[in-house]
Amino acid sequence: MNGHGPYVWSAYGITFSAIFILLILFYFARENFFKQQGSIAKRSMQSAAQNKADAQPSAASSDTHATESSV
């Protein structure tokens, strides 16, 4: 390599180190993304269930309205 060996091998080392670091960062970012999406979906389902429960009148309140209207 006519004396350029240390430069070439250090360039390879830096390049492969950078690629490895990027792959590790990608893995953790991907994992974090799926955790966030799971918690958002869970919150959304809980909110929908709560809204559905709030929208349905209870049996006691519907009986009260029926009695009042017949009087």
N, C-alpha and C. Protein backbone atom coordinates (compact mmCIF):
# COMPACT_ATOMS: atom_id res chain seq x y z
N MET A 1 0.82 -1.20 0.00
CA MET A 1 0.00 0.00 0.00
C MET A 1 0.86 1.26 0.00
N ASN A 2 2.13 1.08 -0.18
CA ASN A 2 3.08 2.20 -0.31
C ASN A 2 3.00 3.18 0.85
N GLY A 3 2.85 2.67 2.08
CA GLY A 3 2.85 3.55 3.25
C GLY A 3 1.49 4.15 3.58
N HIS A 4 0.47 3.83 2.81
CA HIS A 4 -0.86 4.38 3.06
C HIS A 4 -1.74 3.42 3.87
N GLY A 5 -1.19 2.32 4.30
CA GLY A 5 -1.95 1.29 5.04
C GLY A 5 -2.64 1.83 6.28
N PRO A 6 -1.94 2.55 7.15
CA PRO A 6 -2.61 3.05 8.36
C PRO A 6 -3.80 3.97 8.02
N TYR A 7 -3.65 4.79 7.00
CA TYR A 7 -4.74 5.67 6.60
C TYR A 7 -5.94 4.86 6.08
N VAL A 8 -5.67 3.89 5.22
CA VAL A 8 -6.74 3.08 4.62
C VAL A 8 -7.46 2.28 5.69
N TRP A 9 -6.71 1.59 6.56
CA TRP A 9 -7.34 0.76 7.57
C TRP A 9 -8.06 1.59 8.63
N SER A 10 -7.54 2.75 8.95
CA SER A 10 -8.25 3.61 9.90
C SER A 10 -9.54 4.14 9.28
N ALA A 11 -9.52 4.43 7.97
CA ALA A 11 -10.74 4.87 7.28
C ALA A 11 -11.79 3.75 7.29
N TYR A 12 -11.35 2.50 7.03
CA TYR A 12 -12.27 1.37 7.11
C TYR A 12 -12.83 1.24 8.53
N GLY A 13 -11.97 1.35 9.52
CA GLY A 13 -12.39 1.22 10.91
C GLY A 13 -13.41 2.28 11.30
N ILE A 14 -13.15 3.52 10.93
CA ILE A 14 -14.08 4.60 11.25
C ILE A 14 -15.42 4.40 10.53
N THR A 15 -15.36 4.00 9.28
CA THR A 15 -16.59 3.77 8.51
C THR A 15 -17.42 2.66 9.13
N PHE A 16 -16.81 1.51 9.41
CA PHE A 16 -17.56 0.40 9.99
C PHE A 16 -18.04 0.72 11.41
N SER A 17 -17.27 1.49 12.16
CA SER A 17 -17.71 1.91 13.49
C SER A 17 -18.94 2.81 13.39
N ALA A 18 -18.93 3.74 12.45
CA ALA A 18 -20.07 4.63 12.27
C ALA A 18 -21.31 3.86 11.85
N ILE A 19 -21.15 2.90 10.94
CA ILE A 19 -22.29 2.09 10.50
C ILE A 19 -22.84 1.27 11.68
N PHE A 20 -21.96 0.70 12.47
CA PHE A 20 -22.38 -0.09 13.63
C PHE A 20 -23.14 0.78 14.63
N ILE A 21 -22.63 1.97 14.91
CA ILE A 21 -23.30 2.88 15.85
C ILE A 21 -24.67 3.28 15.31
N LEU A 22 -24.77 3.55 14.02
CA LEU A 22 -26.06 3.90 13.43
C LEU A 22 -27.05 2.75 13.52
N LEU A 23 -26.59 1.53 13.32
CA LEU A 23 -27.48 0.38 13.44
C LEU A 23 -27.99 0.21 14.87
N ILE A 24 -27.12 0.42 15.85
CA ILE A 24 -27.52 0.33 17.25
C ILE A 24 -28.54 1.42 17.58
N LEU A 25 -28.28 2.65 17.13
CA LEU A 25 -29.22 3.75 17.37
C LEU A 25 -30.56 3.49 16.70
N PHE A 26 -30.53 2.94 15.50
CA PHE A 26 -31.76 2.60 14.80
C PHE A 26 -32.56 1.57 15.57
N TYR A 27 -31.89 0.56 16.09
CA TYR A 27 -32.56 -0.49 16.85
C TYR A 27 -33.29 0.10 18.06
N PHE A 28 -32.62 0.96 18.83
CA PHE A 28 -33.23 1.54 20.02
C PHE A 28 -34.35 2.52 19.65
N ALA A 29 -34.19 3.28 18.58
CA ALA A 29 -35.24 4.19 18.15
C ALA A 29 -36.47 3.41 17.70
N ARG A 30 -36.26 2.31 17.01
CA ARG A 30 -37.37 1.47 16.55
C ARG A 30 -38.11 0.87 17.74
N GLU A 31 -37.36 0.39 18.71
CA GLU A 31 -37.96 -0.19 19.91
C GLU A 31 -38.79 0.86 20.66
N ASN A 32 -38.25 2.07 20.78
CA ASN A 32 -38.95 3.15 21.45
C ASN A 32 -40.22 3.53 20.69
N PHE A 33 -40.15 3.55 19.36
CA PHE A 33 -41.30 3.87 18.54
C PHE A 33 -42.45 2.90 18.79
N PHE A 34 -42.15 1.60 18.82
CA PHE A 34 -43.19 0.61 19.01
C PHE A 34 -43.76 0.66 20.43
N LYS A 35 -42.94 1.00 21.42
CA LYS A 35 -43.45 1.17 22.78
C LYS A 35 -44.42 2.34 22.83
N GLN A 36 -44.06 3.45 22.18
CA GLN A 36 -44.94 4.62 22.16
C GLN A 36 -46.24 4.31 21.44
N GLN A 37 -46.17 3.62 20.32
CA GLN A 37 -47.39 3.30 19.57
C GLN A 37 -48.29 2.37 20.38
N GLY A 38 -47.69 1.45 21.11
CA GLY A 38 -48.48 0.56 21.96
C GLY A 38 -49.19 1.31 23.07
N SER A 39 -48.51 2.26 23.70
CA SER A 39 -49.15 3.02 24.77
C SER A 39 -50.22 3.95 24.21
N ILE A 40 -50.01 4.50 23.02
CA ILE A 40 -51.03 5.35 22.40
C ILE A 40 -52.27 4.52 22.07
N ALA A 41 -52.07 3.33 21.53
CA ALA A 41 -53.20 2.46 21.20
C ALA A 41 -53.95 2.05 22.46
N LYS A 42 -53.23 1.75 23.53
CA LYS A 42 -53.85 1.35 24.78
C LYS A 42 -54.68 2.50 25.35
N ARG A 43 -54.11 3.71 25.35
CA ARG A 43 -54.86 4.88 25.82
C ARG A 43 -56.10 5.13 24.98
N SER A 44 -55.96 4.97 23.68
CA SER A 44 -57.09 5.20 22.77
C SER A 44 -58.21 4.20 23.04
N MET A 45 -57.85 2.94 23.26
CA MET A 45 -58.86 1.92 23.53
C MET A 45 -59.54 2.18 24.88
N GLN A 46 -58.76 2.60 25.88
CA GLN A 46 -59.34 2.91 27.19
C GLN A 46 -60.28 4.10 27.09
N SER A 47 -59.88 5.09 26.32
CA SER A 47 -60.71 6.28 26.14
C SER A 47 -62.00 5.93 25.42
N ALA A 48 -61.91 5.09 24.40
CA ALA A 48 -63.10 4.68 23.65
C ALA A 48 -64.04 3.88 24.55
N ALA A 49 -63.50 3.01 25.37
CA ALA A 49 -64.33 2.22 26.29
C ALA A 49 -64.99 3.13 27.31
N GLN A 50 -64.27 4.13 27.80
CA GLN A 50 -64.83 5.06 28.76
C GLN A 50 -65.93 5.90 28.12
N ASN A 51 -65.71 6.35 26.90
CA ASN A 51 -66.72 7.14 26.20
C ASN A 51 -67.97 6.31 25.93
N LYS A 52 -67.77 5.04 25.59
CA LYS A 52 -68.91 4.16 25.33
C LYS A 52 -69.71 3.94 26.61
N ALA A 53 -69.02 3.78 27.73
CA ALA A 53 -69.69 3.58 29.01
C ALA A 53 -70.43 4.86 29.43
N ASP A 54 -69.87 6.01 29.16
CA ASP A 54 -70.50 7.28 29.50
C ASP A 54 -71.72 7.55 28.62
N ALA A 55 -71.72 7.07 27.39
CA ALA A 55 -72.81 7.34 26.45
C ALA A 55 -74.03 6.48 26.73
N GLN A 56 -73.86 5.33 27.33
CA GLN A 56 -74.98 4.43 27.60
C GLN A 56 -75.65 4.85 28.90
N PRO A 57 -76.95 5.15 28.86
CA PRO A 57 -77.64 5.50 30.11
C PRO A 57 -77.83 4.26 30.96
N SER A 58 -77.83 4.44 32.26
CA SER A 58 -78.02 3.30 33.14
C SER A 58 -79.49 2.93 33.20
N ALA A 59 -79.81 1.74 33.66
CA ALA A 59 -81.19 1.26 33.72
C ALA A 59 -82.01 2.08 34.70
N ALA A 60 -81.43 2.51 35.80
CA ALA A 60 -82.15 3.28 36.82
C ALA A 60 -82.57 4.64 36.28
N SER A 61 -81.71 5.28 35.53
CA SER A 61 -82.06 6.61 35.02
C SER A 61 -83.12 6.53 33.94
N SER A 62 -83.15 5.47 33.14
CA SER A 62 -84.18 5.34 32.10
C SER A 62 -85.53 5.03 32.74
N ASP A 63 -85.58 4.29 33.85
CA ASP A 63 -86.83 4.02 34.55
C ASP A 63 -87.40 5.30 35.15
N THR A 64 -86.54 6.14 35.65
CA THR A 64 -86.95 7.41 36.25
C THR A 64 -87.60 8.29 35.20
N HIS A 65 -87.01 8.36 34.01
CA HIS A 65 -87.57 9.18 32.95
C HIS A 65 -88.91 8.65 32.48
N ALA A 66 -89.08 7.35 32.46
CA ALA A 66 -90.34 6.76 32.00
C ALA A 66 -91.44 7.05 33.01
N THR A 67 -91.15 7.03 34.28
CA THR A 67 -92.14 7.29 35.31
C THR A 67 -92.55 8.74 35.29
N GLU A 68 -91.58 9.63 35.11
CA GLU A 68 -91.89 11.06 35.11
C GLU A 68 -92.75 11.44 33.93
N SER A 69 -92.54 10.83 32.76
CA SER A 69 -93.30 11.18 31.58
C SER A 69 -94.74 10.70 31.65
N SER A 70 -95.00 9.63 32.39
CA SER A 70 -96.36 9.11 32.49
C SER A 70 -97.19 9.85 33.51
N VAL A 71 -96.57 10.67 34.34
CA VAL A 71 -97.32 11.40 35.40
C VAL A 71 -97.95 12.63 34.86
